[in-house]
Amino acid sequence: MKITTAKSDFFEEKKIHLPNQEKARADMVDFEILLWNISVNDDERSFRQLFELYYPALCVYAKRFIEEKETREDIVQDVFLSIWENRKNISVQVSVKNYLLTCVKNHCLNYLRQHTTESVEDLFIKNIPIYAENNDDFYMLTELRELLAKSISKLPEEYRHVFELNRFEGKNYREIAESMDISTRTVERYKNKAIEILKKDLKDYLPLLALFL
């Protein structure tokens, strides 16, 4: 992912891990309270939690408008940066989910206006399936995150530990094997068993599950 130095410094300062941090328990979060804490209390922890919960799903949603992965990620980061910088002026009249969707959509459309020779209206007409006003993919991803967190918590302890070290902390099989005093082959077996169980448990979400596994 390519981000500007200023943005990189901002997220580093806030101790926000950019993509692939799925450990937050979305099923236990009141999103409106998170945004209120950000706006009223300058709460960096709430900001970090909001980012890590919504960043992956918003990047997928942005694909409705922009194809390039790095551009989508950059735009979503801009949205969160803008939320923090303008937190004192935030006035949300809809749900936090719809607020974030609207912000991402507007940022994407502004990008298209600045970087395409065609009018945005022409792009809408030519790409109706992409620009359709259906946000089901975003909500399904959010729901999947909640279900995935619950399924991971039910894994056998060794499977869960290996899966979390590899998936969330980015450790390779050798590093995990050394920390757990087991062979790399055993690590691979535990990881594969964990994925097998998760796929079975979340079989209704298999097309989207690949985004997280």
Protein backbone atom coordinates (compact mmCIF):
# COMPACT_ATOMS: atom_id res chain seq x y z
CA MET A 1 0.00 0.00 0.00
CA LYS A 2 1.34 3.44 -0.88
CA ILE A 3 0.45 6.26 1.47
CA THR A 4 1.88 9.71 1.88
CA THR A 5 4.52 10.35 4.53
CA ALA A 6 2.19 12.68 6.41
CA LYS A 7 -0.58 10.09 6.53
CA SER A 8 1.88 7.36 7.45
CA ASP A 9 3.15 9.45 10.36
CA PHE A 10 -0.42 10.17 11.47
CA PHE A 11 -1.46 6.51 11.61
CA GLU A 12 1.84 5.54 13.23
CA GLU A 13 1.39 8.21 15.89
CA LYS A 14 -2.10 6.93 16.68
CA LYS A 15 -0.75 3.34 16.76
CA ILE A 16 -3.22 2.34 14.05
CA HIS A 17 -2.31 -0.78 12.10
CA LEU A 18 -3.28 -0.26 8.49
CA PRO A 19 -4.83 -3.34 6.90
CA ASN A 20 -5.49 -6.85 8.13
CA GLN A 21 -6.08 -6.27 11.83
CA GLU A 22 -9.30 -8.17 12.46
CA LYS A 23 -9.05 -8.87 16.19
CA ALA A 24 -11.45 -6.17 17.36
CA ARG A 25 -14.70 -7.58 18.64
CA ALA A 26 -17.25 -5.79 16.49
CA ASP A 27 -20.13 -7.60 18.18
CA MET A 28 -19.42 -5.79 21.45
CA VAL A 29 -19.10 -2.25 20.09
CA ASP A 30 -21.59 0.60 20.10
CA PHE A 31 -20.50 2.52 17.01
CA GLU A 32 -22.37 5.69 17.93
CA ILE A 33 -20.56 5.82 21.27
CA LEU A 34 -17.24 5.39 19.50
CA LEU A 35 -17.91 8.39 17.27
CA TRP A 36 -19.19 10.42 20.22
CA ASN A 37 -16.01 9.67 22.17
CA ILE A 38 -13.92 10.73 19.18
CA SER A 39 -15.81 13.98 18.74
CA VAL A 40 -16.30 15.01 22.37
CA ASN A 41 -13.40 13.40 24.20
CA ASP A 42 -10.68 13.33 21.51
CA ASP A 43 -10.48 9.63 22.30
CA GLU A 44 -7.70 8.08 20.23
CA ARG A 45 -8.54 4.57 21.41
CA SER A 46 -12.09 4.89 20.04
CA PHE A 47 -10.70 6.29 16.79
CA ARG A 48 -8.30 3.35 16.52
CA GLN A 49 -11.13 0.90 17.17
CA LEU A 50 -13.45 2.53 14.63
CA PHE A 51 -10.69 2.40 12.00
CA GLU A 52 -9.76 -1.24 12.59
CA LEU A 53 -13.41 -2.33 12.56
CA TYR A 54 -14.44 -0.55 9.37
CA TYR A 55 -11.34 -0.09 7.22
CA PRO A 56 -11.43 -3.46 5.35
CA ALA A 57 -15.17 -3.30 4.62
CA LEU A 58 -14.98 0.31 3.44
CA CYS A 59 -12.13 -0.57 1.08
CA VAL A 60 -14.36 -3.25 -0.45
CA TYR A 61 -17.27 -0.81 -0.68
CA ALA A 62 -15.02 1.72 -2.47
CA LYS A 63 -14.52 -0.84 -5.25
CA ARG A 64 -17.99 0.11 -6.46
CA PHE A 65 -16.41 3.34 -7.66
CA ILE A 66 -12.67 2.76 -8.11
CA GLU A 67 -10.93 -0.36 -9.37
CA GLU A 68 -7.33 0.24 -8.23
CA LYS A 69 -6.77 -1.34 -4.81
CA GLU A 70 -4.10 1.12 -3.62
CA THR A 71 -6.22 4.09 -4.63
CA ARG A 72 -9.22 2.73 -2.71
CA GLU A 73 -7.11 2.15 0.39
CA ASP A 74 -5.64 5.63 0.13
CA ILE A 75 -9.11 7.18 -0.16
CA VAL A 76 -10.46 5.30 2.87
CA GLN A 77 -7.43 6.42 4.89
CA ASP A 78 -8.19 9.99 3.79
CA VAL A 79 -11.73 9.59 5.11
CA PHE A 80 -10.53 8.55 8.55
CA LEU A 81 -7.87 11.24 8.58
CA SER A 82 -10.56 13.81 7.77
CA ILE A 83 -12.81 12.44 10.54
CA TRP A 84 -10.05 12.90 13.10
CA GLU A 85 -9.00 16.35 11.89
CA ASN A 86 -12.61 17.58 11.81
CA ARG A 87 -13.87 15.60 14.81
CA LYS A 88 -15.13 18.69 16.65
CA ASN A 89 -17.44 19.53 13.76
CA ILE A 90 -18.93 16.07 13.26
CA SER A 91 -22.71 16.05 13.28
CA VAL A 92 -24.12 12.65 12.41
CA GLN A 93 -27.84 12.58 11.61
CA VAL A 94 -27.78 8.96 10.39
CA SER A 95 -26.17 5.75 11.61
CA VAL A 96 -22.37 5.66 11.82
CA LYS A 97 -22.33 3.00 9.09
CA ASN A 98 -24.27 5.19 6.68
CA TYR A 99 -22.17 8.20 7.64
CA LEU A 100 -18.95 6.34 6.78
CA LEU A 101 -20.42 4.99 3.54
CA THR A 102 -21.43 8.48 2.49
CA CYS A 103 -17.98 9.86 3.30
CA VAL A 104 -16.24 7.16 1.27
CA LYS A 105 -18.65 7.56 -1.63
CA ASN A 106 -18.12 11.33 -1.73
CA HIS A 107 -14.33 10.97 -1.56
CA CYS A 108 -14.43 8.43 -4.39
CA LEU A 109 -16.57 10.67 -6.57
CA ASN A 110 -14.28 13.63 -5.91
CA TYR A 111 -11.32 11.51 -6.92
CA LEU A 112 -13.06 10.47 -10.15
CA ARG A 113 -13.89 14.08 -11.00
CA GLN A 114 -10.25 15.04 -10.59
CA HIS A 115 -8.64 12.07 -12.31
CA THR A 116 -10.90 11.07 -15.21
CA THR A 117 -11.67 12.75 -18.49
CA GLU A 118 -15.23 11.40 -18.51
CA SER A 119 -17.92 13.01 -16.41
CA VAL A 120 -18.95 11.14 -13.29
CA GLU A 121 -22.48 11.00 -14.68
CA ASP A 122 -21.23 9.13 -17.78
CA LEU A 123 -19.30 6.71 -15.59
CA PHE A 124 -22.46 5.99 -13.60
CA ILE A 125 -24.42 5.22 -16.74
CA LYS A 126 -21.71 2.91 -18.12
CA ASN A 127 -21.16 1.09 -14.82
CA ILE A 128 -24.61 0.71 -13.30
CA PRO A 129 -23.83 -2.62 -11.54
CA ILE A 130 -20.76 -1.07 -9.91
CA TYR A 131 -22.45 2.13 -8.81
CA ALA A 132 -25.76 0.59 -7.76
CA GLU A 133 -27.13 2.01 -4.54
CA ASN A 134 -27.02 -1.32 -2.75
CA ASN A 135 -24.81 -1.47 0.32
CA ASP A 136 -25.38 -5.14 1.07
CA ASP A 137 -21.73 -6.03 0.53
CA PHE A 138 -20.65 -3.59 3.25
CA TYR A 139 -23.18 -4.81 5.78
CA MET A 140 -22.47 -8.45 4.97
CA LEU A 141 -18.76 -7.87 5.54
CA THR A 142 -19.47 -6.19 8.87
CA GLU A 143 -21.70 -9.09 9.90
CA LEU A 144 -19.06 -11.56 8.76
CA ARG A 145 -16.43 -9.88 10.91
CA GLU A 146 -18.65 -10.34 13.96
CA LEU A 147 -19.34 -13.99 13.17
CA LEU A 148 -15.67 -14.64 12.41
CA ALA A 149 -14.60 -13.24 15.79
CA LYS A 150 -17.08 -15.56 17.53
CA SER A 151 -15.97 -18.59 15.50
CA ILE A 152 -12.29 -17.92 16.19
CA SER A 153 -12.98 -17.73 19.92
CA LYS A 154 -14.50 -21.24 19.75
CA LEU A 155 -11.52 -22.87 18.02
CA PRO A 156 -9.41 -25.39 19.97
CA GLU A 157 -6.80 -23.37 21.84
CA GLU A 158 -3.77 -24.49 19.80
CA TYR A 159 -5.57 -23.95 16.48
CA ARG A 160 -6.73 -20.53 17.58
CA HIS A 161 -3.30 -19.49 18.84
CA VAL A 162 -1.58 -20.50 15.60
CA PHE A 163 -4.25 -18.85 13.47
CA GLU A 164 -4.08 -15.55 15.40
CA LEU A 165 -0.27 -15.44 15.41
CA ASN A 166 -0.18 -16.01 11.66
CA ARG A 167 -3.24 -14.03 10.57
CA PHE A 168 -3.24 -11.11 12.98
CA GLU A 169 0.39 -10.73 14.01
CA GLY A 170 1.94 -11.68 10.67
CA LYS A 171 4.28 -14.33 12.07
CA ASN A 172 5.52 -17.02 9.71
CA TYR A 173 5.42 -20.75 10.42
CA ARG A 174 9.03 -20.88 11.64
CA GLU A 175 8.49 -18.06 14.13
CA ILE A 176 5.30 -19.66 15.43
CA ALA A 177 6.97 -23.06 15.70
CA GLU A 178 9.79 -21.59 17.79
CA SER A 179 7.46 -19.68 20.10
CA MET A 180 5.23 -22.73 20.69
CA ASP A 181 8.06 -25.31 20.65
CA ILE A 182 6.44 -27.38 17.91
CA SER A 183 7.44 -28.27 14.34
CA THR A 184 6.62 -26.07 11.36
CA ARG A 185 4.67 -29.00 9.94
CA THR A 186 2.49 -29.02 13.06
CA VAL A 187 2.00 -25.27 12.75
CA GLU A 188 0.84 -25.72 9.16
CA ARG A 189 -1.53 -28.50 10.21
CA TYR A 190 -3.04 -26.40 13.00
CA LYS A 191 -3.49 -23.44 10.66
CA ASN A 192 -5.14 -25.57 8.00
CA LYS A 193 -7.43 -27.21 10.56
CA ALA A 194 -8.43 -23.79 11.89
CA ILE A 195 -9.31 -22.57 8.40
CA GLU A 196 -11.20 -25.80 7.70
CA ILE A 197 -13.30 -25.33 10.85
CA LEU A 198 -13.94 -21.65 10.12
CA LYS A 199 -15.02 -22.39 6.55
CA LYS A 200 -17.41 -25.06 7.78
CA ASP A 201 -18.77 -22.79 10.51
CA LEU A 202 -19.21 -19.86 8.09
CA LYS A 203 -20.14 -21.81 4.96
CA ASP A 204 -22.89 -19.34 4.05
CA TYR A 205 -20.25 -16.62 3.68
CA LEU A 206 -17.61 -18.52 1.70
CA PRO A 207 -17.29 -16.04 -1.21
CA LEU A 208 -16.51 -13.21 1.23
CA LEU A 209 -14.60 -15.28 3.77
CA ALA A 210 -11.57 -15.29 1.46
CA LEU A 211 -11.08 -11.60 2.29
CA PHE A 212 -10.28 -12.53 5.89
CA LEU A 213 -8.51 -15.90 5.58
